[in-house]
């Protein structure tokens, strides 16, 4: 589910936002984080109170980091394959 890409088509519920942040945080940092909706667009993330707009910005940033990590690992994989191929000659 892509929270920010789909915001024009669906209502962003507190659960949707929390689940997206939690999933992306774990994907990028390789560890879980606790997130709870408090009320009136405020969330509890770890030990901090965060507003919805800040959380949406952080979701965007985490998504960008995840994409960069994927591209870097793909680049390393291609380089490794090339080196292995050259070693085999």
Foldseek 3Di string as FASTA:
>chain_A
DQCVVCVVPDPCDPVNLQVLLQVLCCLQVVDGWDKADDDPQWMCTRNDIDGNVVSVVVSVVSVVSNVVVVVVVVVVVVVVVVVVVVVVD
